[in-house]
Protein backbone atom coordinates (compact mmCIF):
# COMPACT_ATOMS: atom_id res chain seq x y z
CA MET A 1 178.53 99.96 99.33
CA MET A 2 178.38 102.67 96.77
CA LYS A 3 181.86 103.44 95.27
CA VAL A 4 182.22 107.20 94.94
CA ARG A 5 186.34 107.52 94.31
CA GLN A 6 186.86 110.53 92.05
CA ASP A 7 190.54 110.96 92.58
CA ALA A 8 193.11 110.52 89.48
CA TRP A 9 194.42 107.42 88.07
CA SER A 10 197.90 106.76 89.35
CA GLU A 11 200.65 104.81 87.84
CA GLU A 12 200.43 102.12 90.14
CA ASN A 13 196.58 102.20 89.41
CA ASP A 14 197.27 101.82 85.73
CA LEU A 15 199.71 98.97 86.48
CA LEU A 16 197.37 96.77 88.53
CA LEU A 17 194.65 97.47 85.69
CA ALA A 18 196.91 96.12 83.12
CA GLU A 19 198.44 93.13 84.88
CA THR A 20 194.63 92.11 85.96
CA VAL A 21 193.47 92.13 82.31
CA LEU A 22 195.99 90.53 80.79
CA ARG A 23 196.02 87.84 83.36
CA HIS A 24 192.29 87.07 82.98
CA VAL A 25 192.65 87.27 78.99
CA ARG A 26 195.69 84.89 79.30
CA GLU A 27 193.85 82.23 81.53
CA GLY A 28 190.43 82.45 79.26
CA SER A 29 188.33 84.91 81.42
CA THR A 30 186.86 88.25 80.15
CA GLN A 31 187.98 91.74 80.42
CA LEU A 32 184.45 92.79 82.00
CA ASN A 33 185.69 90.23 85.02
CA ALA A 34 188.82 92.06 84.96
CA PHE A 35 187.61 95.32 85.30
CA GLU A 36 185.14 94.23 88.23
CA GLU A 37 188.13 93.09 90.31
CA VAL A 38 190.17 96.03 89.64
CA GLY A 39 187.03 97.99 90.41
CA ASP A 40 186.68 96.37 94.00
CA LYS A 41 190.53 96.74 94.59
CA LEU A 42 190.44 100.51 94.05
CA ASN A 43 186.99 101.48 94.96
CA ARG A 44 186.14 102.58 91.53
CA THR A 45 183.04 101.06 89.23
CA SER A 46 183.99 98.85 86.57
CA ALA A 47 182.78 101.22 84.04
CA ALA A 48 185.31 103.54 85.14
CA CYS A 49 187.98 100.66 84.91
CA GLY A 50 186.72 99.66 81.33
CA PHE A 51 186.74 103.35 80.22
CA ARG A 52 190.69 104.01 81.59
CA TRP A 53 191.82 100.56 79.99
CA ASN A 54 190.30 101.25 76.38
CA ALA A 55 191.15 104.99 76.48
CA VAL A 56 194.61 104.83 77.87
CA VAL A 57 196.18 101.94 79.41
CA ARG A 58 195.46 99.31 76.41
CA HIS A 59 197.40 101.59 73.94
CA GLN A 60 200.49 100.96 76.15
CA TYR A 61 200.24 97.13 76.40
CA GLU A 62 198.89 96.12 72.89
CA LYS A 63 201.75 93.67 72.39
CA ALA A 64 201.25 92.26 75.76
CA LEU A 65 197.70 91.98 74.80
CA GLN A 66 198.26 89.87 71.60
CA LEU A 67 200.54 87.82 73.63
CA ALA A 68 198.21 87.07 76.25
CA LYS A 69 195.41 86.04 73.64
CA LYS A 70 198.23 83.85 71.73
CA GLN A 71 198.84 81.93 74.94
CA ARG A 72 195.01 81.73 75.71
CA LYS A 73 194.71 79.75 72.12
CA GLN A 74 197.42 77.51 73.21
CA ARG A 75 195.75 76.80 76.52
CA GLN A 76 192.59 75.99 74.79
CA ARG A 77 194.48 73.47 72.16
CA MET A 78 196.16 71.76 75.12
CA LEU A 79 192.86 71.45 77.52
CA GLY A 80 190.86 70.43 73.92
CA LYS A 81 187.72 71.81 72.52
CA ASP A 82 185.07 70.74 75.08
CA GLN A 83 187.15 72.51 78.22
CA GLY A 84 189.33 74.94 76.56
CA GLY A 85 186.63 76.81 74.66
CA LYS A 86 184.61 77.76 77.75
CA LYS A 87 185.44 80.77 79.10
CA LYS A 88 185.85 80.70 83.17
CA LEU A 89 185.29 83.99 85.40
CA LEU A 90 188.36 84.22 87.80
CA TYR A 91 186.88 86.48 89.85
CA SER A 92 183.30 86.83 91.82
CA PRO A 93 182.51 90.48 92.92
CA PRO A 94 181.01 90.13 96.80
CA VAL A 95 177.68 90.31 96.87
CA PRO A 96 176.22 93.41 98.88
CA THR A 97 174.50 92.65 102.18
CA LEU A 98 171.38 94.29 103.15
CA ASP A 99 172.83 96.61 105.13
CA ASP A 100 175.23 97.94 102.50
CA VAL A 101 172.08 98.13 100.22
CA GLU A 102 170.14 100.50 103.04
CA ALA A 103 173.55 102.43 103.79
CA ALA A 104 173.76 103.52 99.91
CA MET A 105 169.78 104.23 99.97
CA GLU A 106 169.61 106.26 103.12
CA PRO A 107 170.91 109.42 101.76
CA MET A 108 168.29 109.47 98.81
CA ASN A 109 165.64 108.16 101.39
CA ASP A 110 166.33 111.48 103.66
CA LEU A 111 166.31 113.51 100.52
CA LEU A 112 162.78 112.22 99.13
CA PHE A 113 160.82 111.19 102.37
CA GLU A 114 161.85 113.74 104.61
CA GLU A 115 158.85 115.28 106.30
CA PRO A 116 158.44 119.17 106.66
CA GLU A 117 158.72 120.80 109.93
CA VAL A 118 155.27 122.32 110.62
CA THR A 119 155.30 125.21 113.14
CA THR A 120 152.17 126.25 114.78
CA PRO A 121 151.99 129.97 116.02
CA ASN A 122 150.42 130.79 119.49
CA VAL A 123 146.48 131.74 118.86
CA THR A 124 144.69 133.78 121.11
CA PRO A 125 141.04 133.96 121.38
CA THR A 126 140.47 137.29 119.77
CA GLU A 127 143.35 136.49 116.85
CA GLU A 128 142.46 134.50 113.76
CA VAL A 129 143.89 131.44 113.07
CA GLN A 130 146.71 131.45 110.71
CA THR A 131 147.67 129.18 108.17
CA PRO A 132 150.52 126.74 109.37
CA ILE A 133 153.75 127.74 107.74
CA PHE A 134 155.74 124.50 106.48
CA LYS A 135 159.65 124.67 106.54
CA THR A 136 162.06 122.23 104.67
CA GLU A 137 165.57 122.08 105.95
CA GLU A 138 168.18 122.05 103.38
CA THR A 139 169.78 118.57 102.90
CA SER A 140 173.34 118.64 103.74
CA SER A 141 175.87 118.16 101.45
CA SER A 142 177.69 115.65 103.39
CA ASN A 143 174.69 113.24 103.33
CA MET A 144 174.05 113.60 99.82
CA THR A 145 175.80 114.93 96.81
CA MET A 146 175.31 115.39 93.06
CA ALA A 147 178.58 113.33 92.24
CA SER A 148 177.40 110.30 94.66
CA VAL A 149 174.11 110.40 92.77
CA ILE A 150 175.68 109.91 89.29
CA GLN A 151 177.69 107.73 90.47
CA TYR A 152 175.20 105.38 91.76
CA LEU A 153 173.14 105.87 88.35
CA GLU A 154 176.32 104.78 86.47
CA SER A 155 176.48 101.75 88.44
CA LEU A 156 172.81 101.10 87.79
CA SER A 157 173.43 101.69 84.25
CA HIS A 158 176.48 99.27 84.09
CA SER A 159 174.40 96.53 85.70
CA SER A 160 171.75 97.08 82.92
CA MET A 161 174.36 96.71 80.24
CA LYS A 162 175.85 93.89 81.90
CA LEU A 163 172.63 91.94 81.84
CA GLU A 164 172.05 92.67 78.14
CA ILE A 165 175.27 91.31 77.43
CA LEU A 166 174.43 88.32 79.19
CA LYS A 167 171.50 87.82 77.46
CA ASN A 168 172.78 88.07 74.10
CA GLU A 169 175.51 85.80 74.87
CA ASN A 170 172.69 83.54 76.14
CA GLU A 171 170.92 83.52 73.17
CA ARG A 172 173.96 83.23 70.83
CA LEU A 173 174.91 80.00 72.81
CA LYS A 174 171.27 78.72 72.27
CA ARG A 175 171.35 79.29 68.46
CA GLU A 176 175.07 77.62 68.42
CA ASN A 177 173.65 74.64 70.42
CA ALA A 178 170.76 74.18 68.05
CA SER A 179 173.01 74.29 65.13
CA LEU A 180 175.35 71.57 66.79
CA LYS A 181 172.35 69.20 67.54
CA ALA A 182 171.18 69.58 63.92
CA ARG A 183 174.63 68.72 62.60
CA ASN A 184 175.07 65.97 65.42
CA GLN A 185 171.81 64.35 63.63
CA GLU A 186 172.81 64.82 60.00
CA LEU A 187 176.16 63.05 61.07
CA GLU A 188 174.49 60.22 62.73
CA ALA A 189 172.13 59.69 59.81
CA ARG A 190 175.31 59.78 57.45
CA VAL A 191 176.98 57.37 59.72
CA SER A 192 173.98 54.66 59.76
CA LYS A 193 173.87 54.71 56.04
CA LEU A 194 177.56 54.26 55.65
CA GLU A 195 176.96 51.07 58.38
CA GLN A 196 174.29 50.04 55.65
CA ASN A 197 176.41 50.37 52.70
CA SER A 198 179.27 48.34 54.55
CA VAL A 199 176.98 45.63 55.15
CA THR A 200 175.74 45.13 51.64
CA ILE A 201 179.03 45.45 50.12
CA GLN A 202 180.35 42.88 52.68
CA GLU A 203 177.52 40.51 51.45
CA ASP A 204 178.38 41.11 47.85
CA TYR A 205 181.86 40.34 48.34
CA GLU A 206 181.30 37.04 50.04
CA THR A 207 178.88 36.04 47.38
CA LEU A 208 181.54 37.07 44.49
CA MET A 209 184.15 35.09 46.38
CA ASN A 210 181.86 31.91 46.47
CA ILE A 211 181.09 32.18 43.01
CA MET A 212 185.24 32.37 42.13
CA ASN A 213 185.91 29.28 44.01
CA ARG A 214 182.96 27.54 42.43
CA ALA A 215 184.42 28.27 39.05
CA ARG A 216 188.04 27.66 39.92
CA LYS A 217 187.00 24.08 41.06
CA LEU A 218 185.04 23.47 37.79
CA ALA A 219 187.99 24.49 35.89
CA ILE A 220 190.40 21.90 37.88
CA LEU A 221 187.75 19.28 37.20
CA ASP A 222 187.67 20.07 33.80
CA ASP A 223 191.33 20.28 33.35
CA GLU A 224 191.77 16.53 34.87
CA GLU A 225 189.34 15.30 32.84
CA ARG A 226 190.86 16.13 29.68
CA THR A 227 194.12 15.05 30.88
CA ALA A 228 193.35 11.72 31.68
CA THR A 229 194.76 9.10 29.72
CA LYS A 230 192.77 6.38 28.31
CA PHE A 231 193.98 2.50 27.49
CA LYS A 232 192.31 -0.42 26.01
CA MET A 233 193.39 -4.03 26.11
CA ASP A 234 194.00 -6.28 23.34
CA ARG A 235 193.37 -10.13 22.69
CA ASN A 236 197.00 -10.78 23.90
CA GLY A 237 196.38 -8.54 27.09
CA ASN A 238 198.53 -5.93 26.33
CA LEU A 239 197.43 -2.39 27.06
CA GLU A 240 197.12 0.15 24.23
CA LYS A 241 196.91 3.74 24.69
CA LEU A 242 193.78 5.30 22.68
CA ALA A 243 194.23 8.33 20.74
CA GLU A 244 192.47 11.38 22.04
């Protein structure tokens, strides 16, 4: 259904807009999603809500907006990098039905495809045949107004702008994903190299310990041989200590 509301913004409308935007920012959603929610509640376009927020309301809630962003960062740290870094949309706009689309396009179809009324004059045998006169009735202002056409074109422009934003965000995420994959492969290669170095160091350590143990055993045996006392038996059967 086309939104054609044109009345002025009230204080209640501004308050609803501010509360909705702050809630979306605080809970990790986007301001664009907040504008869509407010637009559906007030029967205005999301573009009009965004213009009102940036031009008037935001300046009154600048401190509250900074606090909401700080709370969002704290929430992301609590949830962790994998979950907290992803933005979630708190509001899903209702999908227009086929009847709504047909109702929105009906005034334009009446304007573009209305058949002219053909009047045929009475012709007598002695009279020449006159050329038919075509008359086109003026379109009633209640069926189609310039404001509704502008509103419809604005909604199309906003949809195109939103699609472009989503495309740019998709490209950015693809580049970020490719960068993370490359970084992951680099880290895996470094881990594999460190594991190989660790095995080599462990083998060298075991070899060194074996060498040290052998050297210690040889040193102990050499000391024992040096400290051993030698005796010699004389003719009378007495033991005599030999000089070293």
